[in-house]
PDB file of N, CA and C in Angstrom:
ATOM      1  N   MET A   1       0.840  -1.167   0.000  1.00  0.00           N
ATOM      2  CA  MET A   1       0.000   0.000   0.000  1.00  0.00           C
ATOM      3  C   MET A   1       0.892   1.239   0.000  1.00  0.00           C
ATOM      4  N   ASN A   2       0.464   2.256  -0.669  1.00  0.00           N
ATOM      5  CA  ASN A   2       1.254   3.472  -0.781  1.00  0.00           C
ATOM      6  C   ASN A   2       1.030   4.341   0.445  1.00  0.00           C
ATOM      7  N   SER A   3       2.078   4.578   1.233  1.00  0.00           N
ATOM      8  CA  SER A   3       1.926   5.332   2.481  1.00  0.00           C
ATOM      9  C   SER A   3       1.788   6.828   2.235  1.00  0.00           C
ATOM     10  N   GLU A   4       2.117   7.311   1.040  1.00  0.00           N
ATOM     11  CA  GLU A   4       2.031   8.738   0.743  1.00  0.00           C
ATOM     12  C   GLU A   4       0.606   9.178   0.429  1.00  0.00           C
ATOM     13  N   ALA A   5      -0.222   8.306  -0.091  1.00  0.00           N
ATOM     14  CA  ALA A   5      -1.531   8.673  -0.595  1.00  0.00           C
ATOM     15  C   ALA A   5      -2.426   9.372   0.426  1.00  0.00           C
ATOM     16  N   PRO A   6      -2.575   8.876   1.679  1.00  0.00           N
ATOM     17  CA  PRO A   6      -3.490   9.555   2.591  1.00  0.00           C
ATOM     18  C   PRO A   6      -3.034  10.949   2.995  1.00  0.00           C
ATOM     19  N   GLU A   7      -1.741  11.255   2.893  1.00  0.00           N
ATOM     20  CA  GLU A   7      -1.221  12.544   3.318  1.00  0.00           C
ATOM     21  C   GLU A   7      -1.359  13.621   2.243  1.00  0.00           C
ATOM     22  N   LYS A   8      -1.571  13.221   0.999  1.00  0.00           N
ATOM     23  CA  LYS A   8      -1.618  14.175  -0.104  1.00  0.00           C
ATOM     24  C   LYS A   8      -2.949  14.900  -0.165  1.00  0.00           C
ATOM     25  N   ASP A   9      -2.897  16.061  -0.813  1.00  0.00           N
ATOM     26  CA  ASP A   9      -4.078  16.861  -1.083  1.00  0.00           C
ATOM     27  C   ASP A   9      -4.972  16.093  -2.065  1.00  0.00           C
ATOM     28  N   PRO A  10      -6.294  16.091  -1.878  1.00  0.00           N
ATOM     29  CA  PRO A  10      -7.177  15.377  -2.804  1.00  0.00           C
ATOM     30  C   PRO A  10      -7.011  15.827  -4.254  1.00  0.00           C
ATOM     31  N   ARG A  11      -6.688  17.111  -4.469  1.00  0.00           N
ATOM     32  CA  ARG A  11      -6.482  17.578  -5.853  1.00  0.00           C
ATOM     33  C   ARG A  11      -5.234  16.941  -6.459  1.00  0.00           C
ATOM     34  N   GLU A  12      -4.184  16.788  -5.633  1.00  0.00           N
ATOM     35  CA  GLU A  12      -2.964  16.136  -6.120  1.00  0.00           C
ATOM     36  C   GLU A  12      -3.231  14.664  -6.409  1.00  0.00           C
ATOM     37  N   GLN A  13      -4.011  14.021  -5.544  1.00  0.00           N
ATOM     38  CA  GLN A  13      -4.342  12.614  -5.765  1.00  0.00           C
ATOM     39  C   GLN A  13      -5.165  12.454  -7.043  1.00  0.00           C
ATOM     40  N   ALA A  14      -6.111  13.358  -7.272  1.00  0.00           N
ATOM     41  CA  ALA A  14      -6.930  13.282  -8.478  1.00  0.00           C
ATOM     42  C   ALA A  14      -6.072  13.476  -9.729  1.00  0.00           C
ATOM     43  N   ALA A  15      -5.108  14.389  -9.660  1.00  0.00           N
ATOM     44  CA  ALA A  15      -4.216  14.608 -10.802  1.00  0.00           C
ATOM     45  C   ALA A  15      -3.361  13.366 -11.055  1.00  0.00           C
ATOM     46  N   ARG A  16      -2.852  12.754  -9.980  1.00  0.00           N
ATOM     47  CA  ARG A  16      -2.038  11.546 -10.128  1.00  0.00           C
ATOM     48  C   ARG A  16      -2.884  10.405 -10.685  1.00  0.00           C
ATOM     49  N   LEU A  17      -4.130  10.306 -10.243  1.00  0.00           N
ATOM     50  CA  LEU A  17      -5.021   9.268 -10.753  1.00  0.00           C
ATOM     51  C   LEU A  17      -5.239   9.444 -12.252  1.00  0.00           C
ATOM     52  N   ARG A  18      -5.430  10.692 -12.702  1.00  0.00           N
ATOM     53  CA  ARG A  18      -5.594  10.947 -14.139  1.00  0.00           C
ATOM     54  C   ARG A  18      -4.349  10.520 -14.910  1.00  0.00           C
ATOM     55  N   GLU A  19      -3.174  10.803 -14.348  1.00  0.00           N
ATOM     56  CA  GLU A  19      -1.922  10.390 -14.998  1.00  0.00           C
ATOM     57  C   GLU A  19      -1.856   8.871 -15.133  1.00  0.00           C
ATOM     58  N   LEU A  20      -2.194   8.181 -14.061  1.00  0.00           N
ATOM     59  CA  LEU A  20      -2.133   6.719 -14.088  1.00  0.00           C
ATOM     60  C   LEU A  20      -3.168   6.120 -15.032  1.00  0.00           C
ATOM     61  N   LEU A  21      -4.357   6.716 -15.062  1.00  0.00           N
ATOM     62  CA  LEU A  21      -5.405   6.192 -15.943  1.00  0.00           C
ATOM     63  C   LEU A  21      -5.121   6.480 -17.413  1.00  0.00           C
ATOM     64  N   ALA A  22      -4.217   7.417 -17.684  1.00  0.00           N
ATOM     65  CA  ALA A  22      -3.843   7.713 -19.070  1.00  0.00           C
ATOM     66  C   ALA A  22      -2.956   6.604 -19.643  1.00  0.00           C
ATOM     67  N   ILE A  23      -2.355   5.820 -18.780  1.00  0.00           N
ATOM     68  CA  ILE A  23      -1.511   4.703 -19.234  1.00  0.00           C
ATOM     69  C   ILE A  23      -2.435   3.566 -19.670  1.00  0.00           C
ATOM     70  N   PRO A  24      -2.228   3.015 -20.860  1.00  0.00           N
ATOM     71  CA  PRO A  24      -3.077   1.894 -21.297  1.00  0.00           C
ATOM     72  C   PRO A  24      -3.019   0.739 -20.293  1.00  0.00           C
ATOM     73  N   GLU A  25      -4.144   0.079 -20.097  1.00  0.00           N
ATOM     74  CA  GLU A  25      -4.241  -0.976 -19.092  1.00  0.00           C
ATOM     75  C   GLU A  25      -3.185  -2.058 -19.273  1.00  0.00           C
ATOM     76  N   ARG A  26      -2.924  -2.444 -20.499  1.00  0.00           N
ATOM     77  CA  ARG A  26      -1.952  -3.521 -20.757  1.00  0.00           C
ATOM     78  C   ARG A  26      -0.533  -3.132 -20.379  1.00  0.00           C
ATOM     79  N   GLN A  27      -0.260  -1.830 -20.313  1.00  0.00           N
ATOM     80  CA  GLN A  27       1.096  -1.371 -20.035  1.00  0.00           C
ATOM     81  C   GLN A  27       1.314  -1.001 -18.565  1.00  0.00           C
ATOM     82  N   ARG A  28       0.289  -1.067 -17.740  1.00  0.00           N
ATOM     83  CA  ARG A  28       0.424  -0.697 -16.329  1.00  0.00           C
ATOM     84  C   ARG A  28       1.121  -1.800 -15.543  1.00  0.00           C
ATOM     85  N   THR A  29       1.987  -1.379 -14.628  1.00  0.00           N
ATOM     86  CA  THR A  29       2.664  -2.330 -13.751  1.00  0.00           C
ATOM     87  C   THR A  29       1.755  -2.643 -12.567  1.00  0.00           C
ATOM     88  N   ASP A  30       2.117  -3.678 -11.814  1.00  0.00           N
ATOM     89  CA  ASP A  30       1.341  -4.014 -10.619  1.00  0.00           C
ATOM     90  C   ASP A  30       1.374  -2.863  -9.613  1.00  0.00           C
ATOM     91  N   ALA A  31       2.512  -2.205  -9.495  1.00  0.00           N
ATOM     92  CA  ALA A  31       2.632  -1.072  -8.571  1.00  0.00           C
ATOM     93  C   ALA A  31       1.694   0.063  -8.992  1.00  0.00           C
ATOM     94  N   GLN A  32       1.570   0.293 -10.300  1.00  0.00           N
ATOM     95  CA  GLN A  32       0.670   1.344 -10.780  1.00  0.00           C
ATOM     96  C   GLN A  32      -0.781   0.966 -10.503  1.00  0.00           C
ATOM     97  N   TRP A  33      -1.124  -0.298 -10.701  1.00  0.00           N
ATOM     98  CA  TRP A  33      -2.478  -0.752 -10.397  1.00  0.00           C
ATOM     99  C   TRP A  33      -2.768  -0.560  -8.908  1.00  0.00           C
ATOM    100  N   ASP A  34      -1.821  -0.924  -8.063  1.00  0.00           N
ATOM    101  CA  ASP A  34      -1.998  -0.757  -6.615  1.00  0.00           C
ATOM    102  C   ASP A  34      -2.193   0.711  -6.247  1.00  0.00           C
ATOM    103  N   GLU A  35      -1.413   1.586  -6.883  1.00  0.00           N
ATOM    104  CA  GLU A  35      -1.535   3.016  -6.601  1.00  0.00           C
ATOM    105  C   GLU A  35      -2.902   3.542  -7.048  1.00  0.00           C
ATOM    106  N   ILE A  36      -3.379   3.090  -8.199  1.00  0.00           N
ATOM    107  CA  ILE A  36      -4.704   3.488  -8.689  1.00  0.00           C
ATOM    108  C   ILE A  36      -5.772   3.088  -7.673  1.00  0.00           C
ATOM    109  N   ILE A  37      -5.695   1.855  -7.196  1.00  0.00           N
ATOM    110  CA  ILE A  37      -6.689   1.359  -6.243  1.00  0.00           C
ATOM    111  C   ILE A  37      -6.637   2.162  -4.952  1.00  0.00           C
ATOM    112  N   ASP A  38      -5.425   2.428  -4.441  1.00  0.00           N
ATOM    113  CA  ASP A  38      -5.285   3.200  -3.202  1.00  0.00           C
ATOM    114  C   ASP A  38      -5.870   4.604  -3.345  1.00  0.00           C
ATOM    115  N   ILE A  39      -5.583   5.244  -4.464  1.00  0.00           N
ATOM    116  CA  ILE A  39      -6.095   6.608  -4.674  1.00  0.00           C
ATOM    117  C   ILE A  39      -7.611   6.590  -4.789  1.00  0.00           C
ATOM    118  N   GLU A  40      -8.166   5.610  -5.528  1.00  0.00           N
ATOM    119  CA  GLU A  40      -9.618   5.533  -5.673  1.00  0.00           C
ATOM    120  C   GLU A  40     -10.292   5.311  -4.327  1.00  0.00           C
ATOM    121  N   ILE A  41      -9.683   4.499  -3.467  1.00  0.00           N
ATOM    122  CA  ILE A  41     -10.248   4.280  -2.137  1.00  0.00           C
ATOM    123  C   ILE A  41     -10.205   5.566  -1.330  1.00  0.00           C
ATOM    124  N   ASN A  42      -9.086   6.275  -1.377  1.00  0.00           N
ATOM    125  CA  ASN A  42      -8.946   7.514  -0.610  1.00  0.00           C
ATOM    126  C   ASN A  42      -9.876   8.608  -1.105  1.00  0.00           C
ATOM    127  N   LEU A  43     -10.137   8.655  -2.410  1.00  0.00           N
ATOM    128  CA  LEU A  43     -10.983   9.705  -2.971  1.00  0.00           C
ATOM    129  C   LEU A  43     -12.463   9.334  -2.969  1.00  0.00           C
ATOM    130  N   GLY A  44     -12.768   8.067  -2.712  1.00  0.00           N
ATOM    131  CA  GLY A  44     -14.146   7.594  -2.769  1.00  0.00           C
ATOM    132  C   GLY A  44     -14.997   8.148  -1.654  1.00  0.00           C
ATOM    133  N   PRO A  45     -16.293   7.860  -1.704  1.00  0.00           N
ATOM    134  CA  PRO A  45     -17.197   8.356  -0.672  1.00  0.00           C
ATOM    135  C   PRO A  45     -16.834   7.772   0.684  1.00  0.00           C
ATOM    136  N   LYS A  46     -16.993   8.576   1.703  1.00  0.00           N
ATOM    137  CA  LYS A  46     -16.666   8.153   3.061  1.00  0.00           C
ATOM    138  C   LYS A  46     -17.913   7.597   3.736  1.00  0.00           C
ATOM    139  N   LYS A  47     -17.735   6.531   4.490  1.00  0.00           N
ATOM    140  CA  LYS A  47     -18.828   5.899   5.213  1.00  0.00           C
ATOM    141  C   LYS A  47     -19.075   6.678   6.507  1.00  0.00           C
ATOM    142  N   PRO A  48     -20.339   6.931   6.850  1.00  0.00           N
ATOM    143  CA  PRO A  48     -20.615   7.631   8.109  1.00  0.00           C
ATOM    144  C   PRO A  48     -20.064   6.839   9.290  1.00  0.00           C
ATOM    145  N   SER A  49     -19.544   7.523  10.286  1.00  0.00           N
ATOM    146  CA  SER A  49     -18.883   6.860  11.398  1.00  0.00           C
ATOM    147  C   SER A  49     -19.860   6.206  12.368  1.00  0.00           C
ATOM    148  N   GLY A  50     -21.137   6.530  12.320  1.00  0.00           N
ATOM    149  CA  GLY A  50     -22.113   6.000  13.261  1.00  0.00           C
ATOM    150  C   GLY A  50     -22.451   4.541  13.037  1.00  0.00           C
ATOM    151  N   GLY A  51     -22.280   4.038  11.837  1.00  0.00           N
ATOM    152  CA  GLY A  51     -22.609   2.661  11.536  1.00  0.00           C
ATOM    153  C   GLY A  51     -24.082   2.444  11.239  1.00  0.00           C
ATOM    154  N   GLN A  52     -24.909   3.483  11.424  1.00  0.00           N
ATOM    155  CA  GLN A  52     -26.328   3.386  11.131  1.00  0.00           C
ATOM    156  C   GLN A  52     -26.642   4.263   9.923  1.00  0.00           C
ATOM    157  N   PRO A  53     -27.681   3.898   9.163  1.00  0.00           N
ATOM    158  CA  PRO A  53     -28.045   4.751   8.025  1.00  0.00           C
ATOM    159  C   PRO A  53     -28.476   6.130   8.513  1.00  0.00           C
ATOM    160  N   PRO A  54     -28.272   7.159   7.695  1.00  0.00           N
ATOM    161  CA  PRO A  54     -28.645   8.510   8.114  1.00  0.00           C
ATOM    162  C   PRO A  54     -30.142   8.630   8.305  1.00  0.00           C
ATOM    163  N   ARG A  55     -30.527   9.500   9.214  1.00  0.00           N
ATOM    164  CA  ARG A  55     -31.947   9.729   9.477  1.00  0.00           C
ATOM    165  C   ARG A  55     -32.321  11.110   8.953  1.00  0.00           C
ATOM    166  N   GLN A  56     -33.594  11.254   8.591  1.00  0.00           N
ATOM    167  CA  GLN A  56     -34.075  12.533   8.083  1.00  0.00           C
ATOM    168  C   GLN A  56     -35.169  13.055   9.003  1.00  0.00           C
ATOM    169  N   ASP A  57     -35.162  14.355   9.229  1.00  0.00           N
ATOM    170  CA  ASP A  57     -36.187  14.983  10.052  1.00  0.00           C
ATOM    171  C   ASP A  57     -37.408  15.252   9.179  1.00  0.00           C
ATOM    172  N   THR A  58     -38.601  14.856   9.661  1.00  0.00           N
ATOM    173  CA  THR A  58     -39.815  15.043   8.870  1.00  0.00           C
ATOM    174  C   THR A  58     -40.417  16.423   9.056  1.00  0.00           C
ATOM    175  N   GLY A  59     -39.899  17.220   9.988  1.00  0.00           N
ATOM    176  CA  GLY A  59     -40.402  18.564  10.185  1.00  0.00           C
ATOM    177  C   GLY A  59     -41.407  18.670  11.319  1.00  0.00           C
ATOM    178  N   ASP A  60     -41.991  17.555  11.738  1.00  0.00           N
ATOM    179  CA  ASP A  60     -42.975  17.609  12.821  1.00  0.00           C
ATOM    180  C   ASP A  60     -42.407  17.015  14.115  1.00  0.00           C
ATOM    181  N   GLY A  61     -41.115  16.995  14.252  1.00  0.00           N
ATOM    182  CA  GLY A  61     -40.491  16.503  15.464  1.00  0.00           C
ATOM    183  C   GLY A  61     -40.140  15.026  15.407  1.00  0.00           C
ATOM    184  N   ARG A  62     -40.755  14.293  14.482  1.00  0.00           N
ATOM    185  CA  ARG A  62     -40.425  12.876  14.335  1.00  0.00           C
ATOM    186  C   ARG A  62     -39.263  12.730  13.375  1.00  0.00           C
ATOM    187  N   ARG A  63     -38.543  11.662  13.524  1.00  0.00           N
ATOM    188  CA  ARG A  63     -37.433  11.384  12.609  1.00  0.00           C
ATOM    189  C   ARG A  63     -37.786  10.168  11.777  1.00  0.00           C
ATOM    190  N   GLN A  64     -37.448  10.252  10.531  1.00  0.00           N
ATOM    191  CA  GLN A  64     -37.759   9.179   9.610  1.00  0.00           C
ATOM    192  C   GLN A  64     -36.457   8.580   9.117  1.00  0.00           C
ATOM    193  N   GLN A  65     -36.402   7.264   9.083  1.00  0.00           N
ATOM    194  CA  GLN A  65     -35.196   6.596   8.613  1.00  0.00           C
ATOM    195  C   GLN A  65     -35.117   6.719   7.097  1.00  0.00           C
ATOM    196  N   ALA A  66     -33.894   6.938   6.610  1.00  0.00           N
ATOM    197  CA  ALA A  66     -33.699   7.102   5.170  1.00  0.00           C
ATOM    198  C   ALA A  66     -34.109   5.823   4.444  1.00  0.00           C
ATOM    199  N   LYS A  67     -34.708   5.988   3.278  1.00  0.00           N
ATOM    200  CA  LYS A  67     -35.136   4.838   2.490  1.00  0.00           C
ATOM    201  C   LYS A  67     -33.925   4.159   1.879  1.00  0.00           C
ATOM    202  N   ARG A  68     -33.985   2.873   1.860  1.00  0.00           N
ATOM    203  CA  ARG A  68     -32.915   2.099   1.236  1.00  0.00           C
ATOM    204  C   ARG A  68     -33.362   1.700  -0.153  1.00  0.00           C
ATOM    205  N   PRO A  69     -32.481   1.823  -1.141  1.00  0.00           N
ATOM    206  CA  PRO A  69     -32.879   1.431  -2.493  1.00  0.00           C
ATOM    207  C   PRO A  69     -33.162  -0.062  -2.560  1.00  0.00           C
ATOM    208  N   GLY A  70     -34.190  -0.413  -3.284  1.00  0.00           N
ATOM    209  CA  GLY A  70     -34.513  -1.814  -3.472  1.00  0.00           C
ATOM    210  C   GLY A  70     -35.519  -2.340  -2.460  1.00  0.00           C
ATOM    211  N   ASN A  71     -35.724  -1.645  -1.359  1.00  0.00           N
ATOM    212  CA  ASN A  71     -36.709  -2.086  -0.365  1.00  0.00           C
ATOM    213  C   ASN A  71     -38.058  -1.476  -0.700  1.00  0.00           C
ATOM    214  N   LYS A  72     -39.076  -2.320  -0.709  1.00  0.00           N
ATOM    215  CA  LYS A  72     -40.411  -1.828  -0.970  1.00  0.00           C
ATOM    216  C   LYS A  72     -41.043  -1.403   0.351  1.00  0.00           C
ATOM    217  N   PRO A  73     -41.825  -0.331   0.341  1.00  0.00           N
ATOM    218  CA  PRO A  73     -42.479   0.075   1.590  1.00  0.00           C
ATOM    219  C   PRO A  73     -43.497  -0.977   2.012  1.00  0.00           C
ATOM    220  N   SER A  74     -43.561  -1.261   3.280  1.00  0.00           N
ATOM    221  CA  SER A  74     -44.509  -2.262   3.763  1.00  0.00           C
ATOM    222  C   SER A  74     -45.793  -1.574   4.210  1.00  0.00           C
ATOM    223  N   VAL A  75     -46.874  -2.261   4.033  1.00  0.00           N
ATOM    224  CA  VAL A  75     -48.175  -1.758   4.451  1.00  0.00           C
ATOM    225  C   VAL A  75     -48.583  -2.590   5.654  1.00  0.00           C
ATOM    226  N   PRO A  76     -48.798  -1.961   6.823  1.00  0.00           N
ATOM    227  CA  PRO A  76     -49.158  -2.730   8.014  1.00  0.00           C
ATOM    228  C   PRO A  76     -50.449  -3.515   7.813  1.00  0.00           C
ATOM    229  N   GLY A  77     -50.449  -4.774   8.223  1.00  0.00           N
ATOM    230  CA  GLY A  77     -51.647  -5.600   8.162  1.00  0.00           C
ATOM    231  C   GLY A  77     -51.928  -6.216   6.810  1.00  0.00           C
ATOM    232  N   LYS A  78     -51.124  -5.914   5.828  1.00  0.00           N
ATOM    233  CA  LYS A  78     -51.358  -6.475   4.495  1.00  0.00           C
ATOM    234  C   LYS A  78     -50.237  -7.435   4.155  1.00  0.00           C
ATOM    235  N   HIS A  79     -50.608  -8.581   3.643  1.00  0.00           N
ATOM    236  CA  HIS A  79     -49.629  -9.545   3.166  1.00  0.00           C
ATOM    237  C   HIS A  79     -49.763  -9.624   1.662  1.00  0.00           C
ATOM    238  N   LEU A  80     -48.692  -9.359   0.976  1.00  0.00           N
ATOM    239  CA  LEU A  80     -48.738  -9.419  -0.476  1.00  0.00           C
ATOM    240  C   LEU A  80     -48.526 -10.861  -0.906  1.00  0.00           C
ATOM    241  N   ARG A  81     -49.404 -11.344  -1.727  1.00  0.00           N
ATOM    242  CA  ARG A  81     -49.282 -12.708  -2.234  1.00  0.00           C
ATOM    243  C   ARG A  81     -49.031 -12.650  -3.722  1.00  0.00           C
ATOM    244  N   LYS A  82     -48.183 -13.535  -4.150  1.00  0.00           N
ATOM    245  CA  LYS A  82     -47.905 -13.625  -5.576  1.00  0.00           C
ATOM    246  C   LYS A  82     -48.815 -14.685  -6.179  1.00  0.00           C
ATOM    247  N   HIS A  83     -49.476 -14.309  -7.253  1.00  0.00           N
ATOM    248  CA  HIS A  83     -50.362 -15.232  -7.948  1.00  0.00           C
ATOM    249  C   HIS A  83     -49.765 -15.609  -9.283  1.00  0.00           C
ATOM    250  N   ARG A  84     -50.010 -16.826  -9.675  1.00  0.00           N
ATOM    251  CA  ARG A  84     -49.557 -17.259 -10.991  1.00  0.00           C
ATOM    252  C   ARG A  84     -50.430 -16.598 -12.060  1.00  0.00           C
ATOM    253  N   PRO A  85     -49.816 -16.239 -13.176  1.00  0.00           N
ATOM    254  CA  PRO A  85     -50.605 -15.608 -14.243  1.00  0.00           C
ATOM    255  C   PRO A  85     -51.532 -16.580 -14.936  1.00  0.00           C
TER     256      PRO A  85
END
């Protein structure tokens, strides 16, 4: 792992990433691939430190949990059944 990457300015890391990505894939060394991966990890989105999904305020004092993609909203008391066509 490259020990310099976390200490650098994000703009410098982005410039270095562009330089590395300009090299054709077939010509990149293993060290260059490792550096690309390290920079992408450092520049990527950061995970919230709480470990829980973010919550949103609904405006009336209650807090609503953020919706997760792919989850369908559940309707209390209703069971959805799948029928054959």
